């Protein structure tokens, strides 16, 4: 069951960011693994601009996130 209305801890947020950057998992698979909603993962992706979908659902390009420094302490 997904959480609703709860804040992510720093570790949870870093895990989601790592999965977005370094895995081929879909947004739904990441949400299932992290036990949160798909929209929460999409919002995190949009905020940190990890994956660029360009109007496609199954293909994306990664941004140069190492230069941005998006790791949360």
N, C-alpha and C. Protein backbone atom coordinates (compact mmCIF):
# COMPACT_ATOMS: atom_id res chain seq x y z
N UNK A 1 0.84 -1.17 0.00
CA UNK A 1 0.00 0.00 0.00
C UNK A 1 0.89 1.24 0.00
N UNK A 2 0.57 2.20 -0.82
CA UNK A 2 1.36 3.43 -0.94
C UNK A 2 1.05 4.37 0.21
N UNK A 3 2.04 5.17 0.55
CA UNK A 3 1.86 6.20 1.58
C UNK A 3 1.11 7.37 0.96
N UNK A 4 0.41 8.12 1.79
CA UNK A 4 -0.26 9.29 1.28
C UNK A 4 -0.04 10.46 2.23
N UNK A 5 0.39 11.57 1.69
CA UNK A 5 0.52 12.78 2.47
C UNK A 5 1.68 12.80 3.45
N UNK A 6 2.69 11.96 3.24
CA UNK A 6 3.83 11.94 4.13
C UNK A 6 5.05 12.48 3.39
N UNK A 7 5.94 13.11 4.14
CA UNK A 7 7.18 13.61 3.56
C UNK A 7 8.18 12.47 3.44
N UNK A 8 9.02 12.56 2.43
CA UNK A 8 10.08 11.58 2.27
C UNK A 8 11.25 11.96 3.15
N UNK A 9 11.87 10.95 3.76
CA UNK A 9 13.10 11.22 4.49
C UNK A 9 14.20 11.49 3.47
N UNK A 10 15.32 11.99 3.95
CA UNK A 10 16.46 12.24 3.05
C UNK A 10 16.92 10.97 2.36
N UNK A 11 16.94 9.85 3.10
CA UNK A 11 17.36 8.58 2.51
C UNK A 11 16.38 8.11 1.43
N UNK A 12 15.07 8.25 1.70
CA UNK A 12 14.08 7.85 0.71
C UNK A 12 14.20 8.69 -0.56
N UNK A 13 14.38 9.98 -0.38
CA UNK A 13 14.53 10.88 -1.52
C UNK A 13 15.79 10.54 -2.32
N UNK A 14 16.89 10.30 -1.63
CA UNK A 14 18.13 9.91 -2.32
C UNK A 14 17.97 8.59 -3.06
N UNK A 15 17.24 7.65 -2.48
CA UNK A 15 17.00 6.37 -3.15
C UNK A 15 16.20 6.56 -4.43
N UNK A 16 15.18 7.40 -4.38
CA UNK A 16 14.38 7.67 -5.58
C UNK A 16 15.24 8.35 -6.64
N UNK A 17 16.03 9.33 -6.24
CA UNK A 17 16.90 10.02 -7.19
C UNK A 17 17.90 9.06 -7.82
N UNK A 18 18.45 8.16 -7.02
CA UNK A 18 19.40 7.17 -7.53
C UNK A 18 18.72 6.24 -8.52
N UNK A 19 17.53 5.79 -8.20
CA UNK A 19 16.80 4.89 -9.11
C UNK A 19 16.47 5.61 -10.42
N UNK A 20 16.09 6.87 -10.34
CA UNK A 20 15.81 7.63 -11.56
C UNK A 20 17.07 7.79 -12.41
N UNK A 21 18.21 8.04 -11.77
CA UNK A 21 19.46 8.26 -12.49
C UNK A 21 20.08 6.99 -13.04
N UNK A 22 20.10 5.94 -12.23
CA UNK A 22 20.96 4.80 -12.52
C UNK A 22 20.25 3.51 -12.90
N UNK A 23 18.93 3.53 -13.00
CA UNK A 23 18.24 2.29 -13.35
C UNK A 23 17.39 2.50 -14.59
N UNK A 24 16.97 1.39 -15.15
CA UNK A 24 16.05 1.42 -16.29
C UNK A 24 14.62 1.17 -15.84
N UNK A 25 14.37 1.28 -14.55
CA UNK A 25 13.03 1.05 -14.01
C UNK A 25 12.09 2.16 -14.47
N UNK A 26 10.85 1.78 -14.71
CA UNK A 26 9.84 2.78 -15.06
C UNK A 26 9.44 3.56 -13.81
N UNK A 27 8.75 4.66 -14.01
CA UNK A 27 8.26 5.46 -12.89
C UNK A 27 7.38 4.61 -11.99
N UNK A 28 6.50 3.80 -12.57
CA UNK A 28 5.62 2.95 -11.79
C UNK A 28 6.40 1.91 -10.99
N UNK A 29 7.43 1.34 -11.58
CA UNK A 29 8.25 0.36 -10.86
C UNK A 29 8.98 1.01 -9.68
N UNK A 30 9.46 2.22 -9.87
CA UNK A 30 10.12 2.94 -8.78
C UNK A 30 9.11 3.24 -7.67
N UNK A 31 7.92 3.68 -8.05
CA UNK A 31 6.87 3.97 -7.07
C UNK A 31 6.50 2.72 -6.28
N UNK A 32 6.36 1.60 -6.96
CA UNK A 32 6.04 0.34 -6.28
C UNK A 32 7.16 -0.05 -5.33
N UNK A 33 8.39 0.05 -5.78
CA UNK A 33 9.53 -0.32 -4.94
C UNK A 33 9.64 0.56 -3.70
N UNK A 34 9.40 1.86 -3.88
CA UNK A 34 9.53 2.81 -2.77
C UNK A 34 8.23 2.96 -1.97
N UNK A 35 7.20 2.25 -2.38
CA UNK A 35 5.90 2.27 -1.70
C UNK A 35 5.34 3.69 -1.60
N UNK A 36 5.32 4.35 -2.77
CA UNK A 36 4.75 5.69 -2.85
C UNK A 36 3.95 5.77 -4.15
N UNK A 37 3.35 6.90 -4.38
CA UNK A 37 2.54 7.07 -5.59
C UNK A 37 3.42 7.39 -6.80
N UNK A 38 2.90 7.06 -7.95
CA UNK A 38 3.58 7.39 -9.21
C UNK A 38 3.74 8.90 -9.33
N UNK A 39 2.72 9.65 -8.91
CA UNK A 39 2.78 11.11 -9.03
C UNK A 39 3.86 11.70 -8.14
N UNK A 40 4.15 11.06 -7.00
CA UNK A 40 5.23 11.54 -6.14
C UNK A 40 6.58 11.39 -6.84
N UNK A 41 6.79 10.25 -7.51
CA UNK A 41 8.04 10.03 -8.24
C UNK A 41 8.14 11.01 -9.41
N UNK A 42 7.03 11.23 -10.10
CA UNK A 42 7.02 12.18 -11.21
C UNK A 42 7.35 13.59 -10.70
N UNK A 43 6.80 13.98 -9.56
CA UNK A 43 7.06 15.30 -9.00
C UNK A 43 8.53 15.46 -8.63
N UNK A 44 9.12 14.40 -8.05
CA UNK A 44 10.55 14.45 -7.70
C UNK A 44 11.39 14.55 -8.97
N UNK A 45 11.03 13.76 -9.98
CA UNK A 45 11.76 13.82 -11.25
C UNK A 45 11.65 15.22 -11.87
N UNK A 46 10.49 15.80 -11.82
CA UNK A 46 10.30 17.13 -12.38
C UNK A 46 11.10 18.18 -11.60
N UNK A 47 11.10 18.06 -10.28
CA UNK A 47 11.81 19.03 -9.44
C UNK A 47 13.31 18.98 -9.66
N UNK A 48 13.87 17.77 -9.73
CA UNK A 48 15.31 17.62 -9.86
C UNK A 48 15.76 17.44 -11.31
N UNK A 49 14.81 17.37 -12.24
CA UNK A 49 15.08 17.28 -13.68
C UNK A 49 16.09 16.18 -13.99
N UNK A 50 15.77 14.95 -13.54
CA UNK A 50 16.65 13.81 -13.76
C UNK A 50 16.43 13.23 -15.15
N UNK A 51 15.19 12.85 -15.44
CA UNK A 51 14.85 12.26 -16.73
C UNK A 51 14.03 13.23 -17.56
N UNK A 52 14.39 13.34 -18.82
CA UNK A 52 13.62 14.15 -19.76
C UNK A 52 12.88 13.21 -20.70
N UNK A 53 11.57 13.24 -20.65
CA UNK A 53 10.76 12.31 -21.43
C UNK A 53 10.40 12.84 -22.81
N UNK A 54 10.34 14.11 -23.01
CA UNK A 54 10.03 14.66 -24.32
C UNK A 54 8.71 14.18 -24.89
N UNK A 55 7.69 14.03 -24.04
CA UNK A 55 6.38 13.61 -24.50
C UNK A 55 6.21 12.11 -24.63
N UNK A 56 7.24 11.34 -24.39
CA UNK A 56 7.15 9.88 -24.47
C UNK A 56 7.07 9.30 -23.08
N UNK A 57 6.43 8.16 -22.97
CA UNK A 57 6.28 7.53 -21.65
C UNK A 57 7.34 6.47 -21.38
N UNK A 58 7.86 5.86 -22.42
CA UNK A 58 8.75 4.72 -22.20
C UNK A 58 10.21 5.02 -22.55
N UNK A 59 10.49 6.19 -23.09
CA UNK A 59 11.86 6.55 -23.43
C UNK A 59 12.19 7.88 -22.78
N UNK A 60 13.43 8.00 -22.32
CA UNK A 60 13.85 9.24 -21.70
C UNK A 60 15.34 9.45 -21.92
N UNK A 61 15.76 10.68 -21.69
CA UNK A 61 17.18 11.04 -21.72
C UNK A 61 17.53 11.56 -20.33
N UNK A 62 18.72 11.25 -19.87
CA UNK A 62 19.16 11.75 -18.58
C UNK A 62 19.80 13.12 -18.76
N UNK A 63 19.56 14.00 -17.81
CA UNK A 63 20.25 15.28 -17.82
C UNK A 63 21.60 15.10 -17.17
N UNK A 64 22.45 16.08 -17.26
CA UNK A 64 23.77 16.01 -16.65
C UNK A 64 23.64 16.37 -15.17
N UNK A 65 23.16 15.41 -14.36
CA UNK A 65 22.85 15.69 -12.96
C UNK A 65 24.07 15.75 -12.07
N UNK A 66 25.19 15.20 -12.49
CA UNK A 66 26.39 15.25 -11.65
C UNK A 66 26.87 16.69 -11.48
N UNK A 67 26.71 17.50 -12.50
CA UNK A 67 27.13 18.89 -12.42
C UNK A 67 26.17 19.71 -11.56
N UNK A 68 24.93 19.27 -11.45
CA UNK A 68 23.93 20.01 -10.69
C UNK A 68 24.08 19.76 -9.19
N UNK A 69 24.46 18.55 -8.80
CA UNK A 69 24.62 18.23 -7.39
C UNK A 69 23.30 18.11 -6.67
N UNK A 70 22.48 17.14 -7.05
CA UNK A 70 21.13 17.01 -6.51
C UNK A 70 21.04 16.10 -5.30
N UNK A 71 22.15 15.65 -4.75
CA UNK A 71 22.09 14.78 -3.58
C UNK A 71 21.59 15.56 -2.39
N UNK A 72 20.65 14.95 -1.68
CA UNK A 72 20.06 15.59 -0.52
C UNK A 72 20.73 15.08 0.73
N UNK A 73 21.12 15.98 1.61
CA UNK A 73 21.80 15.59 2.85
C UNK A 73 20.83 15.21 3.92
